[in-house]
Structures are given as C-alpha cells and as structure tokens.
C-alpha atoms as a PDB file:
ATOM      1  CA  MET A   1     -24.094  11.880  -1.243  1.00  0.00           C
ATOM      2  CA  SER A   2     -24.367   8.151  -1.312  1.00  0.00           C
ATOM      3  CA  GLN A   3     -23.383   6.118   1.714  1.00  0.00           C
ATOM      4  CA  LEU A   4     -21.157   3.996  -0.525  1.00  0.00           C
ATOM      5  CA  ARG A   5     -19.043   7.042  -1.412  1.00  0.00           C
ATOM      6  CA  ALA A   6     -18.851   8.067   2.252  1.00  0.00           C
ATOM      7  CA  ASN A   7     -17.597   4.571   3.108  1.00  0.00           C
ATOM      8  CA  ARG A   8     -14.953   4.726   0.368  1.00  0.00           C
ATOM      9  CA  VAL A   9     -13.777   8.125   1.570  1.00  0.00           C
ATOM     10  CA  ALA A  10     -13.675   6.823   5.165  1.00  0.00           C
ATOM     11  CA  GLU A  11     -11.497   3.861   4.175  1.00  0.00           C
ATOM     12  CA  GLN A  12      -9.121   6.090   2.218  1.00  0.00           C
ATOM     13  CA  MET A  13      -8.937   8.529   5.127  1.00  0.00           C
ATOM     14  CA  LYS A  14      -8.212   5.683   7.544  1.00  0.00           C
ATOM     15  CA  LYS A  15      -5.259   4.583   5.435  1.00  0.00           C
ATOM     16  CA  GLU A  16      -3.900   8.117   5.005  1.00  0.00           C
ATOM     17  CA  LEU A  17      -4.417   9.058   8.666  1.00  0.00           C
ATOM     18  CA  GLY A  18      -2.436   6.033   9.774  1.00  0.00           C
ATOM     19  CA  ASP A  19       0.437   7.108   7.559  1.00  0.00           C
ATOM     20  CA  ILE A  20       0.261  10.773   8.586  1.00  0.00           C
ATOM     21  CA  ILE A  21       0.163  10.014  12.316  1.00  0.00           C
ATOM     22  CA  THR A  22       3.073   7.571  12.200  1.00  0.00           C
ATOM     23  CA  THR A  23       5.359   9.490   9.828  1.00  0.00           C
ATOM     24  CA  LYS A  24       4.498  13.199   9.913  1.00  0.00           C
ATOM     25  CA  ILE A  25       3.437  13.988  13.497  1.00  0.00           C
ATOM     26  CA  LYS A  26       6.499  14.925  15.561  1.00  0.00           C
ATOM     27  CA  ASP A  27       4.653  15.729  18.800  1.00  0.00           C
ATOM     28  CA  PRO A  28       6.224  13.652  21.612  1.00  0.00           C
ATOM     29  CA  ARG A  29       2.824  13.387  23.327  1.00  0.00           C
ATOM     30  CA  VAL A  30       1.498  11.285  20.454  1.00  0.00           C
ATOM     31  CA  GLY A  31       2.679   7.810  21.326  1.00  0.00           C
ATOM     32  CA  PHE A  32       1.894   4.528  19.641  1.00  0.00           C
ATOM     33  CA  VAL A  33      -1.449   5.454  18.061  1.00  0.00           C
ATOM     34  CA  THR A  34      -3.406   3.160  15.737  1.00  0.00           C
ATOM     35  CA  VAL A  35      -6.351   4.393  13.683  1.00  0.00           C
ATOM     36  CA  THR A  36      -9.018   1.716  14.111  1.00  0.00           C
ATOM     37  CA  ASP A  37     -11.977   3.288  12.318  1.00  0.00           C
ATOM     38  CA  VAL A  38     -13.164   6.426  10.534  1.00  0.00           C
ATOM     39  CA  GLU A  39     -16.814   7.363  10.184  1.00  0.00           C
ATOM     40  CA  VAL A  40     -17.698  10.059   7.665  1.00  0.00           C
ATOM     41  CA  THR A  41     -21.092  11.746   7.501  1.00  0.00           C
ATOM     42  CA  GLY A  42     -23.103  11.362   4.301  1.00  0.00           C
ATOM     43  CA  ASP A  43     -22.356  14.935   3.208  1.00  0.00           C
ATOM     44  CA  LEU A  44     -18.596  14.403   3.810  1.00  0.00           C
ATOM     45  CA  GLN A  45     -18.437  17.424   6.127  1.00  0.00           C
ATOM     46  CA  GLN A  46     -17.393  15.678   9.346  1.00  0.00           C
ATOM     47  CA  ALA A  47     -15.283  12.657  10.166  1.00  0.00           C
ATOM     48  CA  SER A  48     -14.965  10.841  13.479  1.00  0.00           C
ATOM     49  CA  VAL A  49     -11.577   9.190  13.834  1.00  0.00           C
ATOM     50  CA  TYR A  50     -11.365   6.339  16.346  1.00  0.00           C
ATOM     51  CA  VAL A  51      -7.913   5.535  17.682  1.00  0.00           C
ATOM     52  CA  SER A  52      -6.386   3.075  20.099  1.00  0.00           C
ATOM     53  CA  VAL A  53      -3.305   3.998  22.102  1.00  0.00           C
ATOM     54  CA  LEU A  54      -0.787   1.671  23.661  1.00  0.00           C
ATOM     55  CA  GLY A  55      -0.188   2.666  27.284  1.00  0.00           C
ATOM     56  CA  ASP A  56      -1.929   3.722  30.454  1.00  0.00           C
ATOM     57  CA  GLU A  57      -4.710   6.275  30.871  1.00  0.00           C
ATOM     58  CA  ASP A  58      -2.280   9.215  31.123  1.00  0.00           C
ATOM     59  CA  LYS A  59      -0.573   8.189  27.888  1.00  0.00           C
ATOM     60  CA  LYS A  60      -3.956   7.895  26.163  1.00  0.00           C
ATOM     61  CA  ARG A  61      -5.014  11.331  27.356  1.00  0.00           C
ATOM     62  CA  GLU A  62      -1.706  12.896  26.282  1.00  0.00           C
ATOM     63  CA  SER A  63      -1.916  11.271  22.846  1.00  0.00           C
ATOM     64  CA  LEU A  64      -5.448  12.565  22.338  1.00  0.00           C
ATOM     65  CA  LEU A  65      -4.331  16.071  23.338  1.00  0.00           C
ATOM     66  CA  GLY A  66      -1.444  15.869  20.873  1.00  0.00           C
ATOM     67  CA  LEU A  67      -3.760  14.745  18.078  1.00  0.00           C
ATOM     68  CA  ALA A  68      -6.213  17.541  18.882  1.00  0.00           C
ATOM     69  CA  LYS A  69      -3.369  20.070  18.745  1.00  0.00           C
ATOM     70  CA  ALA A  70      -2.217  18.730  15.349  1.00  0.00           C
ATOM     71  CA  LYS A  71      -5.763  18.573  13.943  1.00  0.00           C
ATOM     72  CA  GLY A  72      -5.213  21.476  11.520  1.00  0.00           C
ATOM     73  CA  PHE A  73      -2.007  19.981  10.152  1.00  0.00           C
ATOM     74  CA  ILE A  74      -3.581  16.536   9.815  1.00  0.00           C
ATOM     75  CA  ARG A  75      -6.603  17.995   8.023  1.00  0.00           C
ATOM     76  CA  SER A  76      -4.392  19.887   5.559  1.00  0.00           C
ATOM     77  CA  GLU A  77      -2.384  16.726   4.855  1.00  0.00           C
ATOM     78  CA  ILE A  78      -5.614  14.795   4.226  1.00  0.00           C
ATOM     79  CA  GLY A  79      -6.697  17.571   1.859  1.00  0.00           C
ATOM     80  CA  LYS A  80      -3.468  17.205  -0.124  1.00  0.00           C
ATOM     81  CA  ARG A  81      -3.746  13.421  -0.355  1.00  0.00           C
ATOM     82  CA  ILE A  82      -7.466  12.973  -1.024  1.00  0.00           C
ATOM     83  CA  ARG A  83      -9.163  15.005  -3.727  1.00  0.00           C
ATOM     84  CA  LEU A  84     -12.335  16.387  -2.171  1.00  0.00           C
ATOM     85  CA  ARG A  85     -14.086  19.689  -2.629  1.00  0.00           C
ATOM     86  CA  LYS A  86     -13.972  20.274   1.128  1.00  0.00           C
ATOM     87  CA  THR A  87     -11.883  18.322   3.610  1.00  0.00           C
ATOM     88  CA  PRO A  88     -13.996  16.917   6.462  1.00  0.00           C
ATOM     89  CA  GLU A  89     -13.728  18.390   9.949  1.00  0.00           C
ATOM     90  CA  LEU A  90     -11.934  15.857  12.167  1.00  0.00           C
ATOM     91  CA  THR A  91     -12.824  14.735  15.669  1.00  0.00           C
ATOM     92  CA  PHE A  92     -10.694  12.209  17.520  1.00  0.00           C
ATOM     93  CA  ALA A  93     -12.038   9.680  20.021  1.00  0.00           C
ATOM     94  CA  PHE A  94     -10.830   6.523  21.729  1.00  0.00           C
ATOM     95  CA  ASP A  95     -11.997   3.203  20.354  1.00  0.00           C
ATOM     96  CA  GLU A  96     -13.303   1.406  23.413  1.00  0.00           C
ATOM     97  CA  ALA A  97     -14.077  -1.804  21.476  1.00  0.00           C
ATOM     98  CA  LEU A  98     -10.657  -3.339  22.150  1.00  0.00           C
ATOM     99  CA  GLU A  99     -10.885  -2.774  25.902  1.00  0.00           C
ATOM    100  CA  HIS A 100     -14.478  -3.991  25.903  1.00  0.00           C
ATOM    101  CA  GLY A 101     -13.423  -7.172  24.089  1.00  0.00           C
ATOM    102  CA  ASN A 102     -10.597  -7.777  26.575  1.00  0.00           C
ATOM    103  CA  HIS A 103     -13.030  -7.301  29.466  1.00  0.00           C
ATOM    104  CA  ILE A 104     -15.462  -9.854  27.993  1.00  0.00           C
ATOM    105  CA  GLU A 105     -12.611 -12.284  27.366  1.00  0.00           C
ATOM    106  CA  ALA A 106     -11.493 -11.969  30.999  1.00  0.00           C
ATOM    107  CA  ILE A 107     -15.056 -12.654  32.196  1.00  0.00           C
ATOM    108  CA  LEU A 108     -15.284 -15.752  29.990  1.00  0.00           C
ATOM    109  CA  ARG A 109     -11.926 -17.000  31.276  1.00  0.00           C
ATOM    110  CA  ASP A 110     -13.123 -16.570  34.846  1.00  0.00           C
ATOM    111  CA  LEU A 111     -16.317 -18.491  34.056  1.00  0.00           C
ATOM    112  CA  ASN A 112     -14.348 -21.392  32.595  1.00  0.00           C
ATOM    113  CA  LYS A 113     -12.291 -21.797  35.787  1.00  0.00           C
END
C-alpha cells in the first residue's frame, strides 16, 4: 500500500472516530475526548488513535478504559462508514503533545520573568 493512501485513510478515520465517540458512545466513563491524530500502518491493518481528554489523571484513565471497552463497537462503526477490505485494529493512547507544549510554554514564561 502507498503511504499516501494510508494517510488518506487515517484522516477519514480521524473524522469518523470523532463523530462516533461524541455521538454514539454512551459509556459514562468516556468524558470529553478529542481525537487528535490517527496513524495507520502501510498495510492498513493497525491504527493508533491518539486522544486528549479534558480532566485530571483519573478522568483520563477512566476515559481510556471506556474507549478500550468500546473498541469492538467503534471498529464495527468504522467498518460501516469507511469502505475497506479489512477494518484496522484500533489501539488508543493519550496524546502527550498538548501537555508537553503547555510545559514548554510555562518554562518560557518563567524565563521571561
């Protein structure tokens, strides 16, 4: 598979996952979750879904557990919405980039004082 196709599939999955998580998931553990990035392997067999969660560490952990529990449902919904021969296996992870950026911004603010 070409990397261009994998990127297109990743972008489509990102859009659909955002919609599925906000409208279809009824698990109370899944709080305010935003899909920040999706990386799909070149053979379209696996997809890493990076999410950010609004809240403290406990809320983040609970949201990730809720997403892991709903993984089968989410994968079937993706399969219905995106026409692929085989729907990629999903893995969810936190996107640490936002927290890392906030940490760097705080350091720069302290340096400017």
